[in-house]
Each structure stands twice: as structure tokens, then as C-alpha cells.
Amino acid sequence: MVSRNIPHEYFLLDAAKADGPVVGHLRGKPISAVVIDRNGGCYRFVGVAARDGRGRLDVMSLKQGEWILAPDLVYAEAA
């Protein structure tokens, strides 16, 4: 379900740098196994974000500690 009350921007991981091996490609861009955010937080790739029939990001499908990194990649906080 797409939330009408929560902007998807609240779930975006911003200014992350690739770190670690490339585990695949999406729309011609590499998918890094790990990314590091501007504060040094480490996140690991866990999948591709779901979208509804209109193409909107389904932020309600994210689990706690998961964030979206463009283009539609889901990363989880590494423990």
C-alpha cells in the first residue's frame, strides 16, 4: 500500500557513497552491496523498492531500518 499521508522523500537515503562489490545492475546503473551515508552510517543492499500501478513508491512495504536509494534500491541499516 502506498501511503497518502507520508511523503516518500522521508524514506530516501541521501548522499550515499558506494562501498563494496557490485552485486548487479538496475536500469544500467550498478548496485553496490554496501553504501555509506554522509554521517558514516553503513547500509547493505536488500532488494528493489515496490511501486504501485501508478508508479508511486510503496513506502509502507519497507521494514524498520530500510531506506530507498535511487533508482529504487532498498538498503537496510547494517548492524
C-alpha atoms as a PDB file:
ATOM      1  CA  MET A   1       0.000   0.000   0.000  1.00  0.00           C
ATOM      2  CA  VAL A   2       1.221   3.474  -0.863  1.00  0.00           C
ATOM      3  CA  SER A   3       0.849   5.981   1.934  1.00  0.00           C
ATOM      4  CA  ARG A   4      -1.020   9.153   1.072  1.00  0.00           C
ATOM      5  CA  ASN A   5      -0.051  10.696   4.422  1.00  0.00           C
ATOM      6  CA  ILE A   6       3.700  10.112   4.407  1.00  0.00           C
ATOM      7  CA  PRO A   7       5.825  11.616   1.607  1.00  0.00           C
ATOM      8  CA  HIS A   8       8.202   9.074   0.064  1.00  0.00           C
ATOM      9  CA  GLU A   9      11.029  11.604   0.484  1.00  0.00           C
ATOM     10  CA  TYR A  10      11.059  10.719   4.199  1.00  0.00           C
ATOM     11  CA  PHE A  11      12.289   7.242   3.241  1.00  0.00           C
ATOM     12  CA  LEU A  12      15.114   8.214   0.874  1.00  0.00           C
ATOM     13  CA  LEU A  13      18.732   7.587   1.747  1.00  0.00           C
ATOM     14  CA  ASP A  14      20.525  10.711   0.554  1.00  0.00           C
ATOM     15  CA  ALA A  15      24.158  11.335  -0.375  1.00  0.00           C
ATOM     16  CA  ALA A  16      25.263   7.719  -0.016  1.00  0.00           C
ATOM     17  CA  LYS A  17      28.574   6.510  -1.456  1.00  0.00           C
ATOM     18  CA  ALA A  18      29.018   3.068  -2.952  1.00  0.00           C
ATOM     19  CA  ASP A  19      31.248   0.741  -0.948  1.00  0.00           C
ATOM     20  CA  GLY A  20      31.861  -2.931  -1.568  1.00  0.00           C
ATOM     21  CA  PRO A  21      31.370  -5.105  -4.640  1.00  0.00           C
ATOM     22  CA  VAL A  22      28.768  -4.586  -7.366  1.00  0.00           C
ATOM     23  CA  VAL A  23      26.028  -7.200  -6.945  1.00  0.00           C
ATOM     24  CA  GLY A  24      24.000  -6.354 -10.048  1.00  0.00           C
ATOM     25  CA  HIS A  25      22.627  -3.589 -12.236  1.00  0.00           C
ATOM     26  CA  LEU A  26      19.299  -1.766 -12.414  1.00  0.00           C
ATOM     27  CA  ARG A  27      18.446   0.430 -15.391  1.00  0.00           C
ATOM     28  CA  GLY A  28      22.091   0.360 -16.435  1.00  0.00           C
ATOM     29  CA  LYS A  29      23.408   1.527 -13.056  1.00  0.00           C
ATOM     30  CA  PRO A  30      25.483  -0.651 -10.736  1.00  0.00           C
ATOM     31  CA  ILE A  31      24.067  -1.902  -7.453  1.00  0.00           C
ATOM     32  CA  SER A  32      26.615  -1.744  -4.664  1.00  0.00           C
ATOM     33  CA  ALA A  33      26.461  -4.378  -1.935  1.00  0.00           C
ATOM     34  CA  VAL A  34      27.052  -1.651   0.661  1.00  0.00           C
ATOM     35  CA  VAL A  35      26.647   2.136   0.798  1.00  0.00           C
ATOM     36  CA  ILE A  36      27.857   4.671   3.350  1.00  0.00           C
ATOM     37  CA  ASP A  37      25.803   7.798   4.093  1.00  0.00           C
ATOM     38  CA  ARG A  38      27.211  11.267   4.781  1.00  0.00           C
ATOM     39  CA  ASN A  39      27.252  10.559   8.540  1.00  0.00           C
ATOM     40  CA  GLY A  40      29.207   7.323   8.158  1.00  0.00           C
ATOM     41  CA  GLY A  41      26.182   5.040   8.513  1.00  0.00           C
ATOM     42  CA  CYS A  42      26.542   1.711   6.726  1.00  0.00           C
ATOM     43  CA  TYR A  43      23.699   0.085   4.766  1.00  0.00           C
ATOM     44  CA  ARG A  44      23.512  -3.222   2.876  1.00  0.00           C
ATOM     45  CA  PHE A  45      21.503  -3.914  -0.279  1.00  0.00           C
ATOM     46  CA  VAL A  46      18.350  -5.950   0.370  1.00  0.00           C
ATOM     47  CA  GLY A  47      16.228  -5.521  -2.767  1.00  0.00           C
ATOM     48  CA  VAL A  48      14.290  -3.314  -5.139  1.00  0.00           C
ATOM     49  CA  ALA A  49      11.528  -0.979  -3.929  1.00  0.00           C
ATOM     50  CA  ALA A  50       7.955  -1.855  -4.797  1.00  0.00           C
ATOM     51  CA  ARG A  51       5.794   0.548  -6.807  1.00  0.00           C
ATOM     52  CA  ASP A  52       2.027   0.724  -7.218  1.00  0.00           C
ATOM     53  CA  GLY A  53       0.109   0.710 -10.510  1.00  0.00           C
ATOM     54  CA  ARG A  54       0.660   4.460 -10.890  1.00  0.00           C
ATOM     55  CA  GLY A  55       4.404   4.103 -10.406  1.00  0.00           C
ATOM     56  CA  ARG A  56       4.495   5.555  -6.891  1.00  0.00           C
ATOM     57  CA  LEU A  57       6.960   4.121  -4.376  1.00  0.00           C
ATOM     58  CA  ASP A  58       5.329   1.798  -1.839  1.00  0.00           C
ATOM     59  CA  VAL A  59       6.999   3.063   1.324  1.00  0.00           C
ATOM     60  CA  MET A  60       4.627   1.068   3.526  1.00  0.00           C
ATOM     61  CA  SER A  61       6.327  -2.142   2.342  1.00  0.00           C
ATOM     62  CA  LEU A  62       9.644  -1.074   3.879  1.00  0.00           C
ATOM     63  CA  LYS A  63      10.686  -2.755   7.110  1.00  0.00           C
ATOM     64  CA  GLN A  64      12.076  -0.831  10.044  1.00  0.00           C
ATOM     65  CA  GLY A  65      15.633   0.317   9.267  1.00  0.00           C
ATOM     66  CA  GLU A  66      15.161   0.111   5.473  1.00  0.00           C
ATOM     67  CA  TRP A  67      15.678   3.086   3.170  1.00  0.00           C
ATOM     68  CA  ILE A  68      15.311   3.741  -0.560  1.00  0.00           C
ATOM     69  CA  LEU A  69      18.280   4.836  -2.627  1.00  0.00           C
ATOM     70  CA  ALA A  70      17.645   5.963  -6.222  1.00  0.00           C
ATOM     71  CA  PRO A  71      16.940   4.245  -8.547  1.00  0.00           C
ATOM     72  CA  ASP A  72      14.513   2.239  -6.387  1.00  0.00           C
ATOM     73  CA  LEU A  73      17.110   0.273  -4.427  1.00  0.00           C
ATOM     74  CA  VAL A  74      16.356  -0.749  -0.853  1.00  0.00           C
ATOM     75  CA  TYR A  75      19.144  -0.757   1.718  1.00  0.00           C
ATOM     76  CA  ALA A  76      18.928  -1.814   5.354  1.00  0.00           C
ATOM     77  CA  GLU A  77      20.990  -0.446   8.212  1.00  0.00           C
ATOM     78  CA  ALA A  78      23.939  -2.751   8.795  1.00  0.00           C
ATOM     79  CA  ALA A  79      24.304  -3.983  12.363  1.00  0.00           C
END
